[in-house]
């Protein structure tokens, strides 16, 4: 499983894949984090990499005490759904 890193200089989480970098951009407001954009290399889309990236990002954010605001759409095949964060 790939490691999710927090690149605080660019306000994004990053995960290396065999096809390049997958990213999840975020904004901080105090201890509230909004993850608003994800991108996975095109040839890997639909294979669960985006979900692993977001779940890793959420885990890292929670370990730092951030509240996460759900403001993210994830495309899975031809379906678009909101990720529910609990």
N, C-alpha and C. Protein backbone atom coordinates (compact mmCIF):
# COMPACT_ATOMS: atom_id res chain seq x y z
N UNK A 1 0.83 -1.18 0.00
CA UNK A 1 0.00 0.00 0.00
C UNK A 1 0.88 1.25 0.00
N UNK A 2 0.52 2.24 -0.79
CA UNK A 2 1.31 3.45 -0.89
C UNK A 2 1.13 4.34 0.33
N UNK A 3 2.18 5.06 0.66
CA UNK A 3 2.17 5.96 1.80
C UNK A 3 1.62 7.31 1.38
N UNK A 4 0.73 7.88 2.19
CA UNK A 4 0.18 9.22 1.95
C UNK A 4 1.00 10.19 2.78
N UNK A 5 1.56 11.20 2.11
CA UNK A 5 2.37 12.23 2.76
C UNK A 5 1.61 13.54 2.77
N UNK A 6 1.83 14.34 3.81
CA UNK A 6 1.24 15.68 3.89
C UNK A 6 2.30 16.67 3.45
N UNK A 7 2.12 17.27 2.27
CA UNK A 7 3.03 18.30 1.77
C UNK A 7 2.47 19.64 2.23
N UNK A 8 2.90 20.07 3.42
CA UNK A 8 2.34 21.28 4.02
C UNK A 8 2.70 22.55 3.25
N UNK A 9 3.79 22.54 2.51
CA UNK A 9 4.16 23.72 1.71
C UNK A 9 3.16 23.98 0.59
N UNK A 10 2.59 22.91 0.04
CA UNK A 10 1.64 23.05 -1.07
C UNK A 10 0.19 22.82 -0.62
N UNK A 11 -0.02 22.58 0.68
CA UNK A 11 -1.36 22.28 1.21
C UNK A 11 -2.03 21.15 0.43
N UNK A 12 -1.33 20.04 0.37
CA UNK A 12 -1.91 18.87 -0.30
C UNK A 12 -1.30 17.59 0.25
N UNK A 13 -2.10 16.54 0.16
CA UNK A 13 -1.61 15.21 0.46
C UNK A 13 -1.16 14.59 -0.85
N UNK A 14 -0.13 13.76 -0.77
CA UNK A 14 0.44 13.14 -1.97
C UNK A 14 0.63 11.65 -1.73
N UNK A 15 0.42 10.88 -2.79
CA UNK A 15 0.64 9.44 -2.74
C UNK A 15 1.29 9.03 -4.05
N UNK A 16 2.46 8.41 -3.95
CA UNK A 16 3.14 7.92 -5.14
C UNK A 16 2.44 6.70 -5.70
N UNK A 17 2.34 6.64 -7.02
CA UNK A 17 1.78 5.46 -7.70
C UNK A 17 2.73 5.06 -8.83
N UNK A 18 2.49 3.94 -9.43
CA UNK A 18 3.34 3.49 -10.54
C UNK A 18 3.20 4.38 -11.76
N UNK A 19 2.17 5.23 -11.80
CA UNK A 19 1.96 6.12 -12.95
C UNK A 19 2.20 7.59 -12.60
N UNK A 20 2.71 7.87 -11.41
CA UNK A 20 2.96 9.25 -11.01
C UNK A 20 2.28 9.58 -9.69
N UNK A 21 2.23 10.86 -9.40
CA UNK A 21 1.73 11.35 -8.12
C UNK A 21 0.21 11.52 -8.13
N UNK A 22 -0.45 11.02 -7.09
CA UNK A 22 -1.87 11.29 -6.83
C UNK A 22 -1.91 12.35 -5.74
N UNK A 23 -2.82 13.33 -5.87
CA UNK A 23 -2.84 14.44 -4.92
C UNK A 23 -4.25 14.71 -4.40
N UNK A 24 -4.31 15.28 -3.20
CA UNK A 24 -5.56 15.75 -2.61
C UNK A 24 -5.27 17.13 -2.01
N UNK A 25 -5.79 18.18 -2.63
CA UNK A 25 -5.57 19.55 -2.17
C UNK A 25 -6.50 19.88 -1.01
N UNK A 26 -6.01 20.70 -0.08
CA UNK A 26 -6.84 21.09 1.06
C UNK A 26 -6.62 22.54 1.44
N UNK A 27 -7.60 23.06 2.19
CA UNK A 27 -7.52 24.39 2.80
C UNK A 27 -7.63 24.23 4.31
N UNK A 28 -6.91 25.06 5.03
CA UNK A 28 -6.99 25.07 6.48
C UNK A 28 -7.60 26.38 6.96
N UNK A 29 -8.45 26.27 7.97
CA UNK A 29 -9.01 27.42 8.66
C UNK A 29 -8.98 27.06 10.13
N UNK A 30 -7.94 27.49 10.83
CA UNK A 30 -7.76 27.05 12.21
C UNK A 30 -7.51 25.55 12.24
N UNK A 31 -8.35 24.81 12.96
CA UNK A 31 -8.22 23.35 13.00
C UNK A 31 -9.30 22.66 12.19
N UNK A 32 -9.79 23.37 11.15
CA UNK A 32 -10.74 22.77 10.22
C UNK A 32 -10.06 22.61 8.87
N UNK A 33 -10.11 21.41 8.32
CA UNK A 33 -9.50 21.12 7.03
C UNK A 33 -10.59 20.78 6.02
N UNK A 34 -10.55 21.43 4.86
CA UNK A 34 -11.45 21.11 3.76
C UNK A 34 -10.62 20.51 2.64
N UNK A 35 -10.89 19.26 2.31
CA UNK A 35 -10.25 18.62 1.15
C UNK A 35 -11.18 18.87 -0.02
N UNK A 36 -10.70 19.62 -1.02
CA UNK A 36 -11.59 20.09 -2.08
C UNK A 36 -11.26 19.58 -3.47
N UNK A 37 -10.13 18.92 -3.66
CA UNK A 37 -9.78 18.45 -5.00
C UNK A 37 -8.86 17.25 -4.90
N UNK A 38 -9.13 16.25 -5.72
CA UNK A 38 -8.21 15.11 -5.83
C UNK A 38 -7.89 14.88 -7.29
N UNK A 39 -6.73 14.31 -7.51
CA UNK A 39 -6.34 13.96 -8.88
C UNK A 39 -5.48 12.72 -8.83
N UNK A 40 -5.84 11.76 -9.67
CA UNK A 40 -5.12 10.50 -9.79
C UNK A 40 -4.67 10.39 -11.24
N UNK A 41 -3.46 9.87 -11.51
CA UNK A 41 -3.03 9.70 -12.89
C UNK A 41 -4.11 8.98 -13.72
N UNK A 42 -4.35 9.47 -14.92
CA UNK A 42 -5.46 9.02 -15.76
C UNK A 42 -5.53 7.50 -15.92
N UNK A 43 -4.42 6.86 -16.14
CA UNK A 43 -4.48 5.42 -16.41
C UNK A 43 -4.80 4.58 -15.17
N UNK A 44 -4.81 5.21 -14.00
CA UNK A 44 -5.13 4.49 -12.77
C UNK A 44 -6.51 4.80 -12.23
N UNK A 45 -7.24 5.67 -12.88
CA UNK A 45 -8.56 6.06 -12.38
C UNK A 45 -9.51 4.87 -12.39
N UNK A 46 -10.38 4.85 -11.38
CA UNK A 46 -11.36 3.77 -11.27
C UNK A 46 -10.82 2.51 -10.62
N UNK A 47 -9.62 2.58 -10.07
CA UNK A 47 -9.01 1.40 -9.44
C UNK A 47 -8.86 1.53 -7.93
N UNK A 48 -9.48 2.55 -7.35
CA UNK A 48 -9.46 2.70 -5.90
C UNK A 48 -8.33 3.55 -5.34
N UNK A 49 -7.45 4.07 -6.20
CA UNK A 49 -6.34 4.88 -5.71
C UNK A 49 -6.83 6.17 -5.05
N UNK A 50 -7.84 6.81 -5.63
CA UNK A 50 -8.39 8.04 -5.06
C UNK A 50 -8.97 7.80 -3.68
N UNK A 51 -9.68 6.71 -3.52
CA UNK A 51 -10.25 6.37 -2.22
C UNK A 51 -9.17 6.12 -1.17
N UNK A 52 -8.11 5.40 -1.56
CA UNK A 52 -7.00 5.15 -0.63
C UNK A 52 -6.31 6.46 -0.26
N UNK A 53 -6.14 7.34 -1.25
CA UNK A 53 -5.52 8.64 -1.00
C UNK A 53 -6.35 9.44 0.00
N UNK A 54 -7.65 9.53 -0.24
CA UNK A 54 -8.52 10.33 0.64
C UNK A 54 -8.58 9.72 2.04
N UNK A 55 -8.71 8.42 2.16
CA UNK A 55 -8.77 7.81 3.48
C UNK A 55 -7.45 7.99 4.24
N UNK A 56 -6.33 7.91 3.51
CA UNK A 56 -5.03 8.18 4.14
C UNK A 56 -4.91 9.62 4.58
N UNK A 57 -5.42 10.54 3.75
CA UNK A 57 -5.40 11.97 4.10
C UNK A 57 -6.25 12.23 5.34
N UNK A 58 -7.42 11.64 5.38
CA UNK A 58 -8.31 11.82 6.53
C UNK A 58 -7.64 11.28 7.80
N UNK A 59 -7.03 10.13 7.71
CA UNK A 59 -6.35 9.55 8.86
C UNK A 59 -5.23 10.46 9.36
N UNK A 60 -4.42 10.98 8.44
CA UNK A 60 -3.32 11.88 8.83
C UNK A 60 -3.87 13.17 9.44
N UNK A 61 -4.92 13.73 8.83
CA UNK A 61 -5.51 14.97 9.34
C UNK A 61 -6.07 14.76 10.74
N UNK A 62 -6.77 13.68 10.94
CA UNK A 62 -7.34 13.40 12.27
C UNK A 62 -6.25 13.21 13.31
N UNK A 63 -5.13 12.59 12.92
CA UNK A 63 -4.05 12.38 13.88
C UNK A 63 -3.44 13.70 14.33
N UNK A 64 -3.63 14.74 13.54
CA UNK A 64 -3.14 16.08 13.90
C UNK A 64 -4.22 16.91 14.59
N UNK A 65 -5.40 16.33 14.80
CA UNK A 65 -6.46 17.02 15.51
C UNK A 65 -7.37 17.89 14.67
N UNK A 66 -7.31 17.76 13.34
CA UNK A 66 -8.16 18.57 12.46
C UNK A 66 -9.57 18.00 12.36
N UNK A 67 -10.52 18.89 12.27
CA UNK A 67 -11.89 18.52 11.91
C UNK A 67 -11.94 18.56 10.38
N UNK A 68 -12.53 17.57 9.76
CA UNK A 68 -12.57 17.49 8.30
C UNK A 68 -13.96 17.87 7.80
N UNK A 69 -13.99 18.78 6.84
CA UNK A 69 -15.24 19.20 6.22
C UNK A 69 -15.41 18.40 4.93
N UNK A 70 -16.53 17.68 4.79
CA UNK A 70 -16.76 16.90 3.57
C UNK A 70 -17.17 17.82 2.41
N UNK A 71 -16.26 18.09 1.51
CA UNK A 71 -16.52 18.95 0.36
C UNK A 71 -15.81 18.35 -0.85
N UNK A 72 -16.08 17.09 -1.12
CA UNK A 72 -15.30 16.37 -2.10
C UNK A 72 -16.16 15.38 -2.86
N UNK A 73 -16.05 15.43 -4.16
CA UNK A 73 -16.69 14.44 -5.02
C UNK A 73 -15.64 13.45 -5.48
N UNK A 74 -15.99 12.19 -5.52
CA UNK A 74 -15.09 11.17 -6.04
C UNK A 74 -15.79 10.48 -7.19
N UNK A 75 -15.11 10.38 -8.30
CA UNK A 75 -15.68 9.72 -9.46
C UNK A 75 -15.26 8.25 -9.42
N UNK A 76 -16.23 7.38 -9.50
CA UNK A 76 -15.98 5.95 -9.52
C UNK A 76 -16.67 5.38 -10.75
N UNK A 77 -15.91 5.07 -11.78
CA UNK A 77 -16.51 4.62 -13.04
C UNK A 77 -17.33 5.74 -13.63
N UNK A 78 -18.59 5.48 -13.92
CA UNK A 78 -19.46 6.52 -14.47
C UNK A 78 -20.30 7.18 -13.39
N UNK A 79 -20.05 6.85 -12.13
CA UNK A 79 -20.82 7.40 -11.03
C UNK A 79 -20.00 8.44 -10.27
N UNK A 80 -20.66 9.46 -9.81
CA UNK A 80 -20.03 10.44 -8.95
C UNK A 80 -20.75 10.39 -7.61
N UNK A 81 -20.01 10.32 -6.52
CA UNK A 81 -20.65 10.24 -5.22
C UNK A 81 -19.87 11.08 -4.22
N UNK A 82 -20.55 11.50 -3.19
CA UNK A 82 -19.87 12.20 -2.10
C UNK A 82 -19.25 11.16 -1.18
N UNK A 83 -18.06 11.45 -0.71
CA UNK A 83 -17.48 10.60 0.31
C UNK A 83 -18.06 11.03 1.64
N UNK A 84 -18.56 10.09 2.40
CA UNK A 84 -19.10 10.40 3.72
C UNK A 84 -18.01 10.15 4.74
N UNK A 85 -17.71 11.18 5.49
CA UNK A 85 -16.66 11.11 6.47
C UNK A 85 -17.30 11.02 7.84
N UNK A 86 -16.93 10.00 8.59
CA UNK A 86 -17.50 9.81 9.92
C UNK A 86 -16.42 9.83 10.95
